[in-house]
N, C-alpha and C. Protein backbone atom coordinates (compact mmCIF):
# COMPACT_ATOMS: atom_id res chain seq x y z
N CYS A 1 11.95 -18.16 19.09
CA CYS A 1 10.89 -17.16 19.07
C CYS A 1 11.53 -15.81 18.78
N ALA A 2 11.27 -15.25 17.61
CA ALA A 2 11.77 -13.93 17.24
C ALA A 2 10.61 -12.96 17.18
N VAL A 3 10.75 -11.81 17.81
CA VAL A 3 9.69 -10.81 17.87
C VAL A 3 10.20 -9.51 17.28
N HIS A 4 9.55 -9.03 16.24
CA HIS A 4 9.91 -7.77 15.60
C HIS A 4 8.90 -6.72 16.04
N VAL A 5 9.40 -5.66 16.67
CA VAL A 5 8.54 -4.74 17.41
C VAL A 5 8.65 -3.32 16.87
N PRO A 6 7.51 -2.66 16.58
CA PRO A 6 7.57 -1.24 16.22
C PRO A 6 7.99 -0.40 17.42
N GLU A 7 8.44 0.81 17.17
CA GLU A 7 9.02 1.65 18.22
C GLU A 7 8.09 1.82 19.41
N ASP A 8 6.79 1.91 19.16
CA ASP A 8 5.86 2.18 20.27
C ASP A 8 5.18 0.92 20.78
N GLY A 9 5.73 -0.25 20.44
CA GLY A 9 5.03 -1.48 20.79
C GLY A 9 5.72 -2.37 21.80
N TRP A 10 6.69 -1.82 22.56
CA TRP A 10 7.46 -2.68 23.46
C TRP A 10 6.62 -3.27 24.58
N GLY A 11 5.68 -2.49 25.09
CA GLY A 11 4.83 -3.02 26.16
C GLY A 11 4.00 -4.20 25.67
N ASP A 12 3.46 -4.08 24.47
CA ASP A 12 2.69 -5.19 23.90
C ASP A 12 3.57 -6.40 23.66
N ALA A 13 4.81 -6.16 23.23
CA ALA A 13 5.72 -7.28 22.96
C ALA A 13 6.05 -8.03 24.24
N VAL A 14 6.31 -7.31 25.32
CA VAL A 14 6.61 -7.97 26.60
C VAL A 14 5.42 -8.78 27.07
N GLU A 15 4.22 -8.22 26.93
CA GLU A 15 3.00 -8.95 27.32
C GLU A 15 2.82 -10.21 26.47
N LEU A 16 3.12 -10.09 25.18
CA LEU A 16 3.00 -11.24 24.28
C LEU A 16 3.95 -12.35 24.68
N VAL A 17 5.21 -12.00 24.91
CA VAL A 17 6.20 -13.01 25.30
C VAL A 17 5.83 -13.66 26.62
N ALA A 18 5.33 -12.86 27.57
CA ALA A 18 4.90 -13.42 28.86
C ALA A 18 3.78 -14.44 28.66
N GLY A 19 2.86 -14.14 27.72
CA GLY A 19 1.79 -15.08 27.43
C GLY A 19 2.31 -16.37 26.82
N ILE A 20 3.29 -16.25 25.92
CA ILE A 20 3.90 -17.44 25.32
C ILE A 20 4.55 -18.31 26.38
N VAL A 21 5.27 -17.68 27.30
CA VAL A 21 5.94 -18.42 28.37
C VAL A 21 4.91 -19.12 29.25
N GLU A 22 3.81 -18.42 29.55
CA GLU A 22 2.77 -19.02 30.40
C GLU A 22 2.13 -20.23 29.73
N ARG A 23 1.78 -20.10 28.45
CA ARG A 23 1.15 -21.22 27.77
C ARG A 23 2.10 -22.39 27.60
N CYS A 24 3.37 -22.11 27.34
CA CYS A 24 4.34 -23.20 27.24
C CYS A 24 4.46 -23.94 28.57
N GLY A 25 4.42 -23.20 29.67
CA GLY A 25 4.50 -23.83 30.98
C GLY A 25 3.35 -24.78 31.23
N GLU A 26 2.17 -24.48 30.68
CA GLU A 26 1.02 -25.37 30.85
C GLU A 26 1.24 -26.71 30.16
N GLN A 27 2.12 -26.74 29.16
CA GLN A 27 2.40 -27.98 28.43
C GLN A 27 3.76 -28.57 28.78
N ASP A 28 4.33 -28.12 29.90
CA ASP A 28 5.66 -28.58 30.31
C ASP A 28 6.70 -28.33 29.23
N ALA A 29 6.54 -27.23 28.50
CA ALA A 29 7.50 -26.84 27.47
C ALA A 29 8.25 -25.60 27.94
N ALA A 30 9.39 -25.37 27.34
CA ALA A 30 10.23 -24.23 27.72
C ALA A 30 10.46 -23.34 26.51
N VAL A 31 10.55 -22.04 26.75
CA VAL A 31 10.95 -21.10 25.72
C VAL A 31 12.47 -20.98 25.76
N VAL A 32 13.10 -21.32 24.65
CA VAL A 32 14.57 -21.35 24.59
C VAL A 32 15.03 -20.40 23.49
N GLY A 33 15.92 -19.49 23.83
CA GLY A 33 16.46 -18.59 22.82
C GLY A 33 15.46 -17.51 22.45
N GLY A 34 15.67 -16.90 21.30
CA GLY A 34 14.79 -15.85 20.83
C GLY A 34 15.46 -14.50 20.89
N ASP A 35 14.89 -13.54 20.20
CA ASP A 35 15.45 -12.19 20.20
C ASP A 35 14.35 -11.17 19.95
N LEU A 36 14.63 -9.92 20.29
CA LEU A 36 13.75 -8.80 20.02
C LEU A 36 14.48 -7.82 19.12
N CYS A 37 13.80 -7.25 18.16
CA CYS A 37 14.42 -6.23 17.33
C CYS A 37 13.40 -5.19 16.91
N ARG A 38 13.89 -3.96 16.66
CA ARG A 38 13.01 -2.89 16.23
C ARG A 38 12.72 -3.01 14.74
N THR A 39 11.54 -2.51 14.35
CA THR A 39 11.16 -2.50 12.95
C THR A 39 10.31 -1.27 12.68
N PRO A 40 10.39 -0.70 11.48
CA PRO A 40 9.53 0.45 11.17
C PRO A 40 8.08 0.07 10.95
N SER A 41 7.78 -1.21 10.94
CA SER A 41 6.42 -1.68 10.72
C SER A 41 5.50 -1.19 11.84
N VAL A 42 4.21 -1.05 11.53
CA VAL A 42 3.24 -0.62 12.53
C VAL A 42 2.68 -1.80 13.31
N ALA A 43 3.06 -3.01 12.95
CA ALA A 43 2.53 -4.20 13.62
C ALA A 43 3.66 -5.03 14.19
N ILE A 44 3.32 -5.83 15.20
CA ILE A 44 4.29 -6.76 15.78
C ILE A 44 4.33 -8.03 14.94
N GLY A 45 5.54 -8.49 14.61
CA GLY A 45 5.70 -9.73 13.87
C GLY A 45 6.38 -10.77 14.73
N VAL A 46 5.85 -11.98 14.72
CA VAL A 46 6.37 -13.05 15.59
C VAL A 46 6.68 -14.29 14.75
N THR A 47 7.85 -14.86 14.95
CA THR A 47 8.21 -16.12 14.32
C THR A 47 8.53 -17.12 15.41
N VAL A 48 7.83 -18.25 15.42
CA VAL A 48 8.00 -19.26 16.47
C VAL A 48 8.28 -20.62 15.83
N THR A 49 9.25 -21.32 16.34
CA THR A 49 9.53 -22.70 15.94
C THR A 49 9.30 -23.61 17.13
N VAL A 50 8.47 -24.63 16.96
CA VAL A 50 8.16 -25.56 18.04
C VAL A 50 8.86 -26.88 17.77
N LEU A 51 9.60 -27.35 18.75
CA LEU A 51 10.29 -28.63 18.66
C LEU A 51 9.72 -29.59 19.69
N GLY A 52 9.57 -30.86 19.31
CA GLY A 52 9.06 -31.84 20.24
C GLY A 52 9.38 -33.24 19.77
N ARG A 53 8.84 -34.22 20.46
CA ARG A 53 9.05 -35.60 20.06
C ARG A 53 7.74 -36.36 20.18
N ARG A 54 7.65 -37.43 19.42
CA ARG A 54 6.43 -38.21 19.39
C ARG A 54 6.25 -38.97 20.69
N ALA A 55 5.00 -39.01 21.14
CA ALA A 55 4.67 -39.77 22.35
C ALA A 55 3.25 -40.28 22.22
N GLY A 56 2.96 -41.39 22.88
CA GLY A 56 1.60 -41.92 22.79
C GLY A 56 1.57 -43.38 23.14
N ALA A 57 0.39 -43.96 22.99
CA ALA A 57 0.18 -45.34 23.41
C ALA A 57 0.60 -46.35 22.35
N ARG A 58 0.75 -45.91 21.09
CA ARG A 58 1.08 -46.87 20.04
C ARG A 58 2.57 -47.20 20.06
N SER A 59 2.91 -48.29 19.41
CA SER A 59 4.30 -48.74 19.43
C SER A 59 5.22 -47.72 18.80
N ASP A 60 4.74 -47.00 17.78
CA ASP A 60 5.58 -45.98 17.16
C ASP A 60 5.28 -44.59 17.72
N GLY A 61 4.33 -44.52 18.67
CA GLY A 61 4.04 -43.28 19.35
C GLY A 61 3.43 -42.19 18.49
N PHE A 62 2.76 -42.54 17.40
CA PHE A 62 2.32 -41.49 16.48
C PHE A 62 1.02 -41.88 15.79
N VAL A 63 0.08 -40.94 15.75
CA VAL A 63 -1.16 -41.11 14.99
C VAL A 63 -1.14 -40.08 13.88
N SER A 64 -1.17 -40.51 12.64
CA SER A 64 -1.07 -39.58 11.52
C SER A 64 -2.41 -39.39 10.85
N ARG A 65 -2.42 -38.58 9.80
CA ARG A 65 -3.63 -38.40 8.99
C ARG A 65 -3.77 -39.49 7.94
N ALA A 66 -2.77 -40.37 7.84
CA ALA A 66 -2.69 -41.30 6.71
C ALA A 66 -3.09 -42.73 7.06
N SER A 67 -3.67 -42.95 8.24
CA SER A 67 -3.92 -44.33 8.67
C SER A 67 -5.40 -44.65 8.87
N ALA A 68 -6.30 -43.80 8.34
CA ALA A 68 -7.72 -44.11 8.41
C ALA A 68 -8.08 -45.22 7.43
N ARG A 69 -9.19 -45.91 7.69
CA ARG A 69 -9.61 -47.02 6.85
C ARG A 69 -11.10 -46.90 6.54
N ALA A 70 -11.51 -47.53 5.45
CA ALA A 70 -12.94 -47.60 5.11
C ALA A 70 -13.71 -48.22 6.28
N GLY A 71 -14.84 -47.64 6.60
CA GLY A 71 -15.63 -48.11 7.73
C GLY A 71 -15.45 -47.30 8.99
N ASP A 72 -14.36 -46.53 9.08
CA ASP A 72 -14.17 -45.64 10.22
C ASP A 72 -15.22 -44.54 10.19
N HIS A 73 -15.55 -44.03 11.36
CA HIS A 73 -16.44 -42.88 11.47
C HIS A 73 -15.62 -41.63 11.75
N LEU A 74 -16.13 -40.48 11.31
CA LEU A 74 -15.43 -39.20 11.50
C LEU A 74 -16.06 -38.42 12.65
N PHE A 75 -15.21 -37.91 13.52
CA PHE A 75 -15.65 -37.14 14.67
C PHE A 75 -14.86 -35.84 14.76
N VAL A 76 -15.47 -34.82 15.36
CA VAL A 76 -14.75 -33.60 15.68
C VAL A 76 -14.95 -33.27 17.14
N THR A 77 -13.93 -32.66 17.74
CA THR A 77 -14.07 -32.16 19.10
C THR A 77 -14.63 -30.74 19.06
N GLY A 78 -15.26 -30.33 20.15
CA GLY A 78 -15.66 -28.94 20.32
C GLY A 78 -16.67 -28.45 19.31
N THR A 79 -16.58 -27.15 18.99
CA THR A 79 -17.49 -26.52 18.04
C THR A 79 -16.69 -25.84 16.93
N LEU A 80 -17.38 -25.57 15.82
CA LEU A 80 -16.72 -25.01 14.64
C LEU A 80 -17.36 -23.66 14.25
N GLY A 81 -16.54 -22.80 13.67
CA GLY A 81 -17.04 -21.56 13.10
C GLY A 81 -16.83 -20.32 13.94
N GLY A 82 -16.49 -20.48 15.20
CA GLY A 82 -16.33 -19.31 16.07
C GLY A 82 -15.23 -18.37 15.60
N ALA A 83 -14.10 -18.94 15.20
CA ALA A 83 -12.99 -18.11 14.73
C ALA A 83 -13.34 -17.40 13.43
N ALA A 84 -14.09 -18.10 12.55
CA ALA A 84 -14.48 -17.48 11.27
C ALA A 84 -15.39 -16.28 11.50
N VAL A 85 -16.28 -16.37 12.48
CA VAL A 85 -17.15 -15.23 12.81
C VAL A 85 -16.31 -14.06 13.30
N ALA A 86 -15.34 -14.35 14.17
CA ALA A 86 -14.49 -13.29 14.69
C ALA A 86 -13.69 -12.63 13.57
N HIS A 87 -13.17 -13.44 12.64
CA HIS A 87 -12.45 -12.89 11.49
C HIS A 87 -13.36 -11.99 10.65
N ALA A 88 -14.58 -12.46 10.40
CA ALA A 88 -15.51 -11.70 9.56
C ALA A 88 -15.88 -10.37 10.19
N ARG A 89 -15.97 -10.33 11.52
CA ARG A 89 -16.31 -9.09 12.21
C ARG A 89 -15.11 -8.17 12.39
N GLY A 90 -13.91 -8.72 12.19
CA GLY A 90 -12.72 -7.93 12.42
C GLY A 90 -12.39 -7.76 13.88
N ASP A 91 -12.77 -8.75 14.70
CA ASP A 91 -12.51 -8.65 16.14
C ASP A 91 -11.01 -8.55 16.41
N VAL A 92 -10.62 -7.69 17.32
CA VAL A 92 -9.23 -7.56 17.75
C VAL A 92 -9.23 -7.45 19.28
N PRO A 93 -8.53 -8.35 19.98
CA PRO A 93 -7.81 -9.49 19.40
C PRO A 93 -8.78 -10.62 19.04
N LEU A 94 -8.32 -11.53 18.20
CA LEU A 94 -9.10 -12.71 17.88
C LEU A 94 -9.16 -13.62 19.10
N PRO A 95 -10.19 -14.48 19.20
CA PRO A 95 -10.27 -15.39 20.34
C PRO A 95 -9.07 -16.33 20.39
N GLU A 96 -8.66 -16.65 21.59
CA GLU A 96 -7.51 -17.55 21.77
C GLU A 96 -7.86 -18.95 21.30
N PRO A 97 -7.01 -19.58 20.49
CA PRO A 97 -7.31 -20.94 20.02
C PRO A 97 -7.43 -21.90 21.20
N PRO A 98 -8.28 -22.92 21.08
CA PRO A 98 -8.42 -23.88 22.18
C PRO A 98 -7.17 -24.76 22.30
N ASP A 99 -6.95 -25.24 23.51
CA ASP A 99 -5.84 -26.15 23.79
C ASP A 99 -6.37 -27.58 23.73
N ARG A 100 -5.98 -28.30 22.70
CA ARG A 100 -6.46 -29.68 22.54
C ARG A 100 -5.32 -30.70 22.66
N VAL A 101 -4.22 -30.30 23.30
CA VAL A 101 -3.08 -31.22 23.43
C VAL A 101 -3.45 -32.41 24.29
N ARG A 102 -3.98 -32.16 25.46
CA ARG A 102 -4.34 -33.28 26.35
C ARG A 102 -5.46 -34.12 25.76
N ALA A 103 -6.40 -33.47 25.09
CA ALA A 103 -7.48 -34.22 24.44
C ALA A 103 -6.91 -35.13 23.35
N GLY A 104 -5.98 -34.61 22.57
CA GLY A 104 -5.37 -35.42 21.51
C GLY A 104 -4.62 -36.61 22.05
N ILE A 105 -3.89 -36.39 23.15
CA ILE A 105 -3.14 -37.50 23.77
C ILE A 105 -4.11 -38.56 24.30
N ALA A 106 -5.22 -38.11 24.90
CA ALA A 106 -6.20 -39.06 25.45
C ALA A 106 -6.88 -39.85 24.35
N LEU A 107 -7.14 -39.22 23.21
CA LEU A 107 -7.87 -39.87 22.12
C LEU A 107 -6.97 -40.71 21.22
N ALA A 108 -5.67 -40.45 21.24
CA ALA A 108 -4.75 -41.11 20.31
C ALA A 108 -4.84 -42.64 20.32
N PRO A 109 -4.96 -43.28 21.49
CA PRO A 109 -5.02 -44.75 21.46
C PRO A 109 -6.24 -45.32 20.75
N PHE A 110 -7.27 -44.49 20.54
CA PHE A 110 -8.52 -44.97 19.95
C PHE A 110 -8.73 -44.46 18.53
N ALA A 111 -7.88 -43.56 18.07
CA ALA A 111 -8.05 -42.95 16.75
C ALA A 111 -7.26 -43.70 15.70
N ALA A 112 -7.91 -44.01 14.59
CA ALA A 112 -7.19 -44.59 13.46
C ALA A 112 -6.36 -43.53 12.75
N ALA A 113 -6.88 -42.29 12.74
CA ALA A 113 -6.17 -41.16 12.14
C ALA A 113 -6.68 -39.89 12.81
N MET A 114 -5.85 -38.84 12.74
CA MET A 114 -6.23 -37.60 13.40
C MET A 114 -5.52 -36.43 12.72
N ILE A 115 -6.21 -35.26 12.68
CA ILE A 115 -5.63 -34.04 12.13
C ILE A 115 -6.29 -32.87 12.85
N ASP A 116 -5.55 -31.79 13.03
CA ASP A 116 -6.15 -30.62 13.66
C ASP A 116 -6.86 -29.77 12.60
N LEU A 117 -7.90 -29.06 13.01
CA LEU A 117 -8.69 -28.27 12.08
C LEU A 117 -8.20 -26.83 12.08
N SER A 118 -7.01 -26.63 11.56
CA SER A 118 -6.45 -25.28 11.47
C SER A 118 -6.86 -24.60 10.17
N ASP A 119 -7.00 -25.35 9.10
CA ASP A 119 -7.27 -24.78 7.78
C ASP A 119 -8.75 -24.82 7.41
N GLY A 120 -9.58 -25.33 8.29
CA GLY A 120 -11.00 -25.48 8.01
C GLY A 120 -11.34 -26.94 7.73
N LEU A 121 -12.49 -27.38 8.20
CA LEU A 121 -12.90 -28.77 8.02
C LEU A 121 -12.91 -29.16 6.54
N ALA A 122 -13.38 -28.26 5.67
CA ALA A 122 -13.45 -28.59 4.24
C ALA A 122 -12.09 -28.91 3.66
N SER A 123 -11.04 -28.26 4.15
CA SER A 123 -9.68 -28.55 3.70
C SER A 123 -9.11 -29.77 4.40
N ASP A 124 -9.27 -29.82 5.72
CA ASP A 124 -8.57 -30.83 6.50
C ASP A 124 -9.15 -32.22 6.34
N VAL A 125 -10.47 -32.33 6.12
CA VAL A 125 -11.02 -33.66 5.86
C VAL A 125 -10.55 -34.17 4.51
N ARG A 126 -10.37 -33.28 3.54
CA ARG A 126 -9.81 -33.68 2.26
C ARG A 126 -8.36 -34.14 2.44
N ALA A 127 -7.61 -33.44 3.27
CA ALA A 127 -6.22 -33.84 3.51
C ALA A 127 -6.15 -35.22 4.14
N LEU A 128 -7.03 -35.51 5.09
CA LEU A 128 -7.06 -36.83 5.71
C LEU A 128 -7.47 -37.89 4.70
N ALA A 129 -8.48 -37.60 3.89
CA ALA A 129 -8.95 -38.57 2.90
C ALA A 129 -7.86 -38.88 1.88
N ARG A 130 -7.19 -37.83 1.39
CA ARG A 130 -6.12 -38.05 0.40
C ARG A 130 -4.98 -38.86 0.99
N ALA A 131 -4.57 -38.50 2.21
CA ALA A 131 -3.43 -39.19 2.83
C ALA A 131 -3.76 -40.65 3.12
N SER A 132 -5.00 -40.93 3.51
CA SER A 132 -5.41 -42.30 3.85
C SER A 132 -5.94 -43.07 2.66
N ARG A 133 -6.13 -42.40 1.51
CA ARG A 133 -6.64 -43.03 0.29
C ARG A 133 -8.00 -43.69 0.52
N VAL A 134 -8.88 -42.91 1.14
CA VAL A 134 -10.27 -43.31 1.33
C VAL A 134 -11.15 -42.13 0.94
N ASP A 135 -12.44 -42.39 0.72
CA ASP A 135 -13.39 -41.33 0.45
C ASP A 135 -14.13 -40.96 1.72
N ALA A 136 -14.34 -39.66 1.93
CA ALA A 136 -15.02 -39.18 3.13
C ALA A 136 -16.37 -38.57 2.76
N THR A 137 -17.36 -38.81 3.60
CA THR A 137 -18.65 -38.15 3.48
C THR A 137 -18.92 -37.41 4.79
N VAL A 138 -19.18 -36.11 4.70
CA VAL A 138 -19.44 -35.29 5.88
C VAL A 138 -20.86 -34.75 5.80
N ASP A 139 -21.61 -34.94 6.88
CA ASP A 139 -22.98 -34.43 6.97
C ASP A 139 -22.94 -33.04 7.60
N LEU A 140 -23.16 -32.02 6.79
CA LEU A 140 -23.06 -30.65 7.28
C LEU A 140 -24.07 -30.37 8.39
N ALA A 141 -25.22 -31.01 8.34
CA ALA A 141 -26.24 -30.79 9.37
C ALA A 141 -25.80 -31.31 10.73
N ALA A 142 -24.80 -32.18 10.76
CA ALA A 142 -24.33 -32.76 12.01
C ALA A 142 -23.23 -31.94 12.67
N LEU A 143 -22.69 -30.93 11.98
CA LEU A 143 -21.57 -30.18 12.52
C LEU A 143 -21.96 -29.45 13.80
N PRO A 144 -21.13 -29.53 14.83
CA PRO A 144 -21.39 -28.79 16.06
C PRO A 144 -20.95 -27.34 15.87
N LEU A 145 -21.90 -26.41 15.84
CA LEU A 145 -21.61 -25.03 15.51
C LEU A 145 -21.40 -24.18 16.76
N ALA A 146 -20.45 -23.24 16.66
CA ALA A 146 -20.26 -22.27 17.73
C ALA A 146 -21.51 -21.42 17.87
N GLY A 147 -21.66 -20.79 19.03
CA GLY A 147 -22.90 -20.12 19.39
C GLY A 147 -23.42 -19.10 18.40
N GLU A 148 -22.54 -18.36 17.75
CA GLU A 148 -22.99 -17.30 16.85
C GLU A 148 -23.07 -17.75 15.39
N VAL A 149 -22.91 -19.03 15.14
CA VAL A 149 -22.87 -19.55 13.76
C VAL A 149 -24.16 -20.27 13.44
N ASP A 150 -24.75 -19.94 12.29
CA ASP A 150 -25.96 -20.64 11.88
C ASP A 150 -25.83 -21.30 10.51
N ASP A 151 -24.65 -21.19 9.88
CA ASP A 151 -24.44 -21.75 8.55
C ASP A 151 -23.30 -22.77 8.63
N PRO A 152 -23.61 -24.07 8.54
CA PRO A 152 -22.55 -25.08 8.65
C PRO A 152 -21.53 -25.00 7.53
N ALA A 153 -21.93 -24.55 6.34
CA ALA A 153 -20.97 -24.40 5.25
C ALA A 153 -19.94 -23.33 5.58
N PHE A 154 -20.40 -22.25 6.19
CA PHE A 154 -19.50 -21.19 6.65
C PHE A 154 -18.52 -21.74 7.70
N ALA A 155 -19.04 -22.52 8.63
CA ALA A 155 -18.19 -23.10 9.67
C ALA A 155 -17.17 -24.07 9.09
N ALA A 156 -17.56 -24.82 8.06
CA ALA A 156 -16.68 -25.84 7.49
C ALA A 156 -15.52 -25.25 6.71
N THR A 157 -15.67 -24.02 6.22
CA THR A 157 -14.63 -23.43 5.38
C THR A 157 -13.85 -22.32 6.08
N GLY A 158 -14.23 -21.98 7.31
CA GLY A 158 -13.64 -20.80 7.96
C GLY A 158 -12.21 -20.95 8.42
N GLY A 159 -11.87 -22.06 9.04
CA GLY A 159 -10.52 -22.27 9.54
C GLY A 159 -10.28 -21.66 10.91
N ASP A 160 -9.08 -21.92 11.43
CA ASP A 160 -8.60 -21.40 12.72
C ASP A 160 -9.40 -21.90 13.93
N ASP A 161 -10.12 -23.02 13.78
CA ASP A 161 -10.83 -23.58 14.93
C ASP A 161 -9.88 -24.34 15.86
N TYR A 162 -8.90 -25.00 15.29
CA TYR A 162 -7.92 -25.79 16.05
C TYR A 162 -8.55 -26.86 16.91
N GLU A 163 -9.70 -27.36 16.45
CA GLU A 163 -10.27 -28.57 17.04
C GLU A 163 -9.62 -29.78 16.37
N LEU A 164 -10.05 -30.97 16.76
CA LEU A 164 -9.47 -32.20 16.22
C LEU A 164 -10.50 -32.93 15.35
N LEU A 165 -10.05 -33.44 14.22
CA LEU A 165 -10.84 -34.32 13.37
C LEU A 165 -10.24 -35.71 13.49
N LEU A 166 -11.07 -36.70 13.84
CA LEU A 166 -10.58 -38.05 14.09
C LEU A 166 -11.36 -39.07 13.29
N ALA A 167 -10.67 -40.10 12.85
CA ALA A 167 -11.30 -41.29 12.29
C ALA A 167 -11.22 -42.38 13.35
N ILE A 168 -12.37 -42.93 13.73
CA ILE A 168 -12.41 -43.92 14.81
C ILE A 168 -13.22 -45.13 14.36
N VAL A 169 -12.69 -46.30 14.62
CA VAL A 169 -13.44 -47.53 14.37
C VAL A 169 -14.69 -47.52 15.26
N PRO A 170 -15.87 -47.82 14.72
CA PRO A 170 -17.10 -47.72 15.51
C PRO A 170 -17.05 -48.44 16.85
N THR A 171 -16.39 -49.59 16.91
CA THR A 171 -16.36 -50.35 18.16
C THR A 171 -15.52 -49.67 19.25
N ARG A 172 -14.76 -48.64 18.90
CA ARG A 172 -13.90 -47.98 19.88
C ARG A 172 -14.42 -46.60 20.29
N VAL A 173 -15.58 -46.23 19.78
CA VAL A 173 -16.09 -44.88 20.04
C VAL A 173 -16.38 -44.65 21.51
N GLU A 174 -17.08 -45.58 22.16
CA GLU A 174 -17.44 -45.37 23.57
C GLU A 174 -16.20 -45.28 24.44
N ALA A 175 -15.19 -46.08 24.15
CA ALA A 175 -13.94 -46.00 24.91
C ALA A 175 -13.26 -44.66 24.68
N ALA A 176 -13.34 -44.16 23.46
CA ALA A 176 -12.76 -42.85 23.16
C ALA A 176 -13.48 -41.75 23.93
N ARG A 177 -14.81 -41.83 23.98
CA ARG A 177 -15.57 -40.82 24.71
C ARG A 177 -15.20 -40.84 26.19
N ALA A 178 -15.05 -42.02 26.75
CA ALA A 178 -14.69 -42.13 28.17
C ALA A 178 -13.30 -41.56 28.43
N ALA A 179 -12.36 -41.83 27.53
CA ALA A 179 -11.01 -41.30 27.70
C ALA A 179 -11.00 -39.78 27.61
N LEU A 180 -11.80 -39.22 26.70
CA LEU A 180 -11.87 -37.78 26.57
C LEU A 180 -12.51 -37.15 27.81
N ALA A 181 -13.57 -37.76 28.30
CA ALA A 181 -14.25 -37.23 29.48
C ALA A 181 -13.34 -37.22 30.70
N ALA A 182 -12.40 -38.14 30.74
CA ALA A 182 -11.49 -38.22 31.89
C ALA A 182 -10.55 -37.01 31.96
N VAL A 183 -10.26 -36.39 30.80
CA VAL A 183 -9.36 -35.24 30.80
C VAL A 183 -10.11 -33.92 30.61
N ASP A 184 -11.32 -33.97 30.04
CA ASP A 184 -12.11 -32.76 29.83
C ASP A 184 -13.58 -33.14 29.71
N SER A 185 -14.27 -33.09 30.82
CA SER A 185 -15.66 -33.56 30.85
C SER A 185 -16.60 -32.65 30.06
N LYS A 186 -16.18 -31.43 29.71
CA LYS A 186 -17.04 -30.49 29.00
C LYS A 186 -16.81 -30.48 27.50
N LEU A 187 -15.79 -31.20 27.04
CA LEU A 187 -15.46 -31.18 25.62
C LEU A 187 -16.26 -32.25 24.87
N SER A 188 -16.97 -31.84 23.84
CA SER A 188 -17.81 -32.77 23.09
C SER A 188 -17.02 -33.51 22.02
N LEU A 189 -17.52 -34.67 21.63
CA LEU A 189 -16.98 -35.46 20.53
C LEU A 189 -18.17 -35.82 19.64
N THR A 190 -18.26 -35.20 18.47
CA THR A 190 -19.46 -35.27 17.64
C THR A 190 -19.22 -36.06 16.36
N LEU A 191 -20.11 -36.99 16.08
CA LEU A 191 -20.07 -37.76 14.84
C LEU A 191 -20.51 -36.86 13.68
N VAL A 192 -19.63 -36.72 12.66
CA VAL A 192 -19.96 -35.83 11.54
C VAL A 192 -19.89 -36.52 10.18
N GLY A 193 -19.43 -37.77 10.13
CA GLY A 193 -19.33 -38.41 8.82
C GLY A 193 -18.73 -39.79 8.89
N SER A 194 -18.36 -40.30 7.73
CA SER A 194 -17.83 -41.66 7.63
C SER A 194 -16.86 -41.77 6.47
N LEU A 195 -16.13 -42.88 6.45
CA LEU A 195 -15.14 -43.15 5.40
C LEU A 195 -15.50 -44.43 4.67
N ALA A 196 -15.19 -44.44 3.38
CA ALA A 196 -15.47 -45.61 2.54
C ALA A 196 -14.31 -45.82 1.59
N ASP A 197 -14.29 -46.99 0.95
CA ASP A 197 -13.26 -47.25 -0.06
C ASP A 197 -13.32 -46.17 -1.14
N GLY A 198 -12.15 -45.76 -1.61
CA GLY A 198 -12.12 -44.73 -2.64
C GLY A 198 -10.71 -44.30 -2.96
N THR A 199 -10.60 -43.07 -3.42
CA THR A 199 -9.31 -42.56 -3.91
C THR A 199 -8.87 -41.27 -3.22
N GLY A 200 -9.59 -40.86 -2.16
CA GLY A 200 -9.20 -39.64 -1.46
C GLY A 200 -10.10 -38.45 -1.73
N VAL A 201 -11.36 -38.69 -2.01
CA VAL A 201 -12.32 -37.63 -2.31
C VAL A 201 -13.17 -37.36 -1.08
N ALA A 202 -13.49 -36.10 -0.83
CA ALA A 202 -14.40 -35.73 0.26
C ALA A 202 -15.69 -35.18 -0.32
N ARG A 203 -16.81 -35.65 0.21
CA ARG A 203 -18.14 -35.22 -0.25
C ARG A 203 -18.90 -34.65 0.94
N PHE A 204 -19.57 -33.52 0.71
CA PHE A 204 -20.32 -32.86 1.77
C PHE A 204 -21.80 -32.91 1.42
N VAL A 205 -22.62 -33.32 2.36
CA VAL A 205 -24.05 -33.48 2.10
C VAL A 205 -24.87 -32.74 3.15
N ARG A 206 -26.08 -32.37 2.75
CA ARG A 206 -27.03 -31.76 3.69
C ARG A 206 -28.42 -32.16 3.26
N GLU A 207 -29.11 -32.85 4.16
CA GLU A 207 -30.45 -33.38 3.85
C GLU A 207 -30.44 -34.20 2.58
N GLY A 208 -29.40 -35.00 2.40
CA GLY A 208 -29.30 -35.91 1.28
C GLY A 208 -28.75 -35.32 0.00
N ALA A 209 -28.61 -34.00 -0.07
CA ALA A 209 -28.11 -33.35 -1.28
C ALA A 209 -26.63 -33.01 -1.13
N THR A 210 -25.90 -33.17 -2.21
CA THR A 210 -24.48 -32.83 -2.19
C THR A 210 -24.29 -31.32 -2.23
N VAL A 211 -23.37 -30.83 -1.39
CA VAL A 211 -23.07 -29.40 -1.32
C VAL A 211 -21.63 -29.21 -1.78
N ASP A 212 -21.42 -28.33 -2.74
CA ASP A 212 -20.08 -28.07 -3.27
C ASP A 212 -19.40 -27.03 -2.40
N LEU A 213 -18.39 -27.45 -1.65
CA LEU A 213 -17.68 -26.54 -0.76
C LEU A 213 -16.26 -26.32 -1.26
N PRO A 214 -15.80 -25.07 -1.29
CA PRO A 214 -14.39 -24.82 -1.59
C PRO A 214 -13.54 -25.23 -0.40
N GLU A 215 -12.27 -25.47 -0.64
CA GLU A 215 -11.36 -25.70 0.46
C GLU A 215 -11.12 -24.39 1.18
N GLY A 216 -10.70 -24.48 2.43
CA GLY A 216 -10.29 -23.30 3.16
C GLY A 216 -8.89 -22.90 2.76
N PHE A 217 -8.03 -22.70 3.72
CA PHE A 217 -6.64 -22.34 3.41
C PHE A 217 -5.95 -23.55 2.77
N VAL A 218 -5.26 -23.32 1.66
CA VAL A 218 -4.55 -24.40 0.97
C VAL A 218 -3.06 -24.10 0.98
N HIS A 219 -2.25 -25.01 1.48
CA HIS A 219 -0.80 -24.83 1.53
C HIS A 219 -0.23 -25.05 0.13
N ARG A 220 0.60 -24.13 -0.30
CA ARG A 220 1.22 -24.23 -1.62
C ARG A 220 2.71 -24.55 -1.50
């Protein structure tokens, strides 16, 4: 963890590092190493590297984005679009991303594939479809929207939600819901689409009509 701090920002930097230490403690993780340095910049810059190891119920301990199959259903945790609204308004600070680590661990035994929604549903469902070599159909009307969001297309392309997108075999859905409720009884698991044989294409529909959505953030 390296923190580059403007001359008048040391108090903010100390508060930031304290928050990082606190959140790491919640996940039984430790902050190791790191440095502070001055910079003429007017903003604080932070570089963080996270190290860990695979764990889970499967024999290889890992659920990837590349193991979904035709016939799986697509689900998302929580709600979408809240971060995009905050970005659009210029809120400072932005809302803290949700912690879905325990939810992901609980759902892993039931998920055929899983990916976090950091880049926006429109991008991340395409990433899952491409990696798994299946076609995805997402019903925009089914998306669980954050309280201030009324446009599902806006929510699907906004990014920074950090919820989970999962492909689950239909026969395992109820077991997945029970496992999630055991660790977070308030966290929703919403059916938003399905997967079929194909080549890695994602299609978005609303009231039966196809909606052309751009991807959110695209890694180059």
